[in-house]
Amino acid sequence: MKTIKDTPRVKDDKPTHKVVFNQIQKEIDGRENDAVKYCEEHYPQTCEVFKQVMAIQYVLFCKKQKNYGPGNISVGTDLRSDGDVKLSLTGLWFRMNDKIQRLKQLIILGHKDEVGESELDTFQDMSVYGIIAQIVSAKVWGK
């Protein structure tokens, strides 16, 4: 199996996003990845629910993208420079930190919800932000 290290590079010596994502999809589709086989054989219900949650997350992402557009994440930049990407990732870090602080209030400190955002809502937002961060890092956000 090829590693990310072995994939074609662009000018800044990072693997192209299409090659990396296609490689991952091929591994999952072709069952070339032993870890996927193992998990699906040993934990079929967990894997099925994981896939369902991912599908729900995708719909949530699309709804929020329709509401906000890409500019809130890219901060009005085109994400071409490393500085643009860093600015965007910093914004995502702040958003994720807000969600961590929210979970601290709900779970660790046991404070009652006063704003209508449940633990599930907060976990969903964090999950989507993590995926968005990967898309931003690949410099394809909003494209």
Protein backbone atom coordinates (compact mmCIF):
# COMPACT_ATOMS: atom_id res chain seq x y z
CA MET A 1 0.00 0.00 0.00
CA LYS A 2 1.25 3.48 -0.84
CA THR A 3 1.66 5.95 1.95
CA ILE A 4 0.94 9.66 1.85
CA LYS A 5 4.71 10.11 1.66
CA ASP A 6 4.69 8.29 -1.71
CA THR A 7 1.95 10.39 -3.34
CA PRO A 8 2.54 13.04 -6.02
CA ARG A 9 3.51 16.46 -4.70
CA VAL A 10 2.65 20.03 -5.57
CA LYS A 11 5.02 23.01 -5.38
CA ASP A 12 4.99 23.20 -1.58
CA ASP A 13 5.89 19.46 -1.31
CA LYS A 14 2.48 18.47 0.04
CA PRO A 15 0.53 15.59 -1.50
CA THR A 16 -2.25 16.73 -3.82
CA HIS A 17 -5.61 16.51 -2.11
CA LYS A 18 -7.23 14.52 -4.91
CA VAL A 19 -4.55 11.84 -4.80
CA VAL A 20 -4.76 11.51 -1.02
CA PHE A 21 -8.56 11.39 -0.92
CA ASN A 22 -8.74 9.00 -3.88
CA GLN A 23 -6.19 6.73 -2.20
CA ILE A 24 -8.22 6.68 1.01
CA GLN A 25 -11.43 5.95 -0.89
CA LYS A 26 -9.75 3.14 -2.82
CA GLU A 27 -8.55 1.59 0.43
CA ILE A 28 -12.03 1.71 1.91
CA ASP A 29 -13.87 0.61 -1.25
CA GLY A 30 -11.42 -2.14 -2.10
CA ARG A 31 -11.17 -3.36 1.48
CA GLU A 32 -7.41 -3.10 1.13
CA ASN A 33 -7.18 -1.68 4.62
CA ASP A 34 -6.91 -4.46 7.21
CA ALA A 35 -8.13 -2.15 9.97
CA VAL A 36 -11.41 -1.53 8.13
CA LYS A 37 -11.92 -5.26 7.59
CA TYR A 38 -11.12 -5.98 11.21
CA CYS A 39 -13.47 -3.33 12.58
CA GLU A 40 -16.33 -4.24 10.27
CA GLU A 41 -15.98 -7.93 11.18
CA HIS A 42 -15.59 -7.46 14.93
CA TYR A 43 -17.73 -4.36 15.52
CA PRO A 44 -20.39 -4.36 12.79
CA GLN A 45 -22.98 -2.32 14.68
CA THR A 46 -20.45 0.28 15.75
CA CYS A 47 -19.21 0.62 12.18
CA GLU A 48 -22.71 0.88 10.77
CA VAL A 49 -23.70 3.61 13.22
CA PHE A 50 -20.39 5.41 12.55
CA LYS A 51 -21.28 5.50 8.84
CA GLN A 52 -24.79 6.74 9.63
CA VAL A 53 -23.43 9.49 11.86
CA MET A 54 -21.04 10.53 9.08
CA ALA A 55 -23.97 10.78 6.65
CA ILE A 56 -25.89 12.93 9.15
CA GLN A 57 -22.79 15.10 9.62
CA TYR A 58 -22.57 15.60 5.85
CA VAL A 59 -26.17 16.85 5.69
CA LEU A 60 -25.51 19.17 8.64
CA PHE A 61 -22.37 20.46 6.91
CA CYS A 62 -24.31 21.14 3.69
CA LYS A 63 -27.10 22.98 5.54
CA LYS A 64 -24.63 25.18 7.38
CA GLN A 65 -22.62 25.76 4.22
CA LYS A 66 -25.81 26.91 2.50
CA ASN A 67 -26.52 29.30 5.39
CA TYR A 68 -23.02 30.72 5.86
CA GLY A 69 -21.10 30.15 2.62
CA PRO A 70 -17.35 29.59 2.61
CA GLY A 71 -16.33 33.13 3.59
CA ASN A 72 -16.81 32.65 7.33
CA ILE A 73 -14.17 29.91 7.35
CA SER A 74 -11.79 31.39 4.77
CA VAL A 75 -12.14 34.84 6.35
CA GLY A 76 -12.59 36.31 2.88
CA THR A 77 -9.32 34.89 1.53
CA ASP A 78 -8.81 32.46 -1.33
CA LEU A 79 -6.62 30.17 0.83
CA ARG A 80 -3.78 30.27 -1.68
CA SER A 81 -1.05 31.32 0.73
CA ASP A 82 0.13 29.55 3.85
CA GLY A 83 -0.81 32.70 5.77
CA ASP A 84 -4.40 32.48 4.52
CA VAL A 85 -4.59 28.84 5.59
CA LYS A 86 -3.11 29.65 9.00
CA LEU A 87 -5.66 32.44 9.50
CA SER A 88 -8.50 30.09 8.60
CA LEU A 89 -7.18 27.27 10.80
CA THR A 90 -6.78 29.74 13.67
CA GLY A 91 -10.43 30.72 13.28
CA LEU A 92 -11.39 27.05 13.32
CA TRP A 93 -9.30 26.55 16.44
CA PHE A 94 -11.25 29.35 18.16
CA ARG A 95 -14.57 27.82 17.09
CA MET A 96 -13.50 24.38 18.33
CA ASN A 97 -12.26 25.86 21.59
CA ASP A 98 -15.68 27.48 22.08
CA LYS A 99 -17.23 24.03 21.65
CA ILE A 100 -14.77 22.45 24.11
CA GLN A 101 -15.66 25.13 26.65
CA ARG A 102 -19.35 24.42 26.01
CA LEU A 103 -18.81 20.71 26.67
CA LYS A 104 -16.89 21.54 29.83
CA GLN A 105 -19.90 23.46 31.10
CA LEU A 106 -22.36 20.70 30.19
CA ILE A 107 -20.41 17.55 31.02
CA ILE A 108 -17.61 18.35 33.45
CA LEU A 109 -19.28 21.09 35.48
CA GLY A 110 -22.82 19.75 35.03
CA HIS A 111 -24.34 23.12 34.19
CA LYS A 112 -27.82 23.05 32.71
CA ASP A 113 -28.27 24.06 29.06
CA GLU A 114 -29.52 27.64 28.83
CA VAL A 115 -29.02 28.35 25.11
CA GLY A 116 -30.62 25.38 23.35
CA GLU A 117 -27.40 23.70 22.26
CA SER A 118 -27.21 20.11 23.44
CA GLU A 119 -24.15 17.95 23.97
CA LEU A 120 -24.98 16.22 20.69
CA ASP A 121 -25.16 19.53 18.82
CA THR A 122 -21.79 20.50 20.26
CA PHE A 123 -20.15 17.18 19.34
CA GLN A 124 -21.58 17.44 15.82
CA ASP A 125 -20.19 20.95 15.36
CA MET A 126 -16.75 19.86 16.56
CA SER A 127 -16.75 16.90 14.22
CA VAL A 128 -17.68 19.02 11.22
CA TYR A 129 -15.06 21.64 12.14
CA GLY A 130 -12.41 18.91 12.21
CA ILE A 131 -13.30 17.84 8.69
CA ILE A 132 -13.45 21.45 7.50
CA ALA A 133 -9.93 21.97 8.91
CA GLN A 134 -8.67 19.11 6.74
CA ILE A 135 -10.33 20.62 3.67
CA VAL A 136 -8.83 24.04 4.46
CA SER A 137 -5.39 22.46 4.90
CA ALA A 138 -5.74 20.91 1.45
CA LYS A 139 -6.50 24.44 0.13
CA VAL A 140 -9.76 23.38 -1.51
CA TRP A 141 -12.25 25.00 0.87
CA GLY A 142 -14.98 26.79 -1.05
CA LYS A 143 -13.97 25.32 -4.39
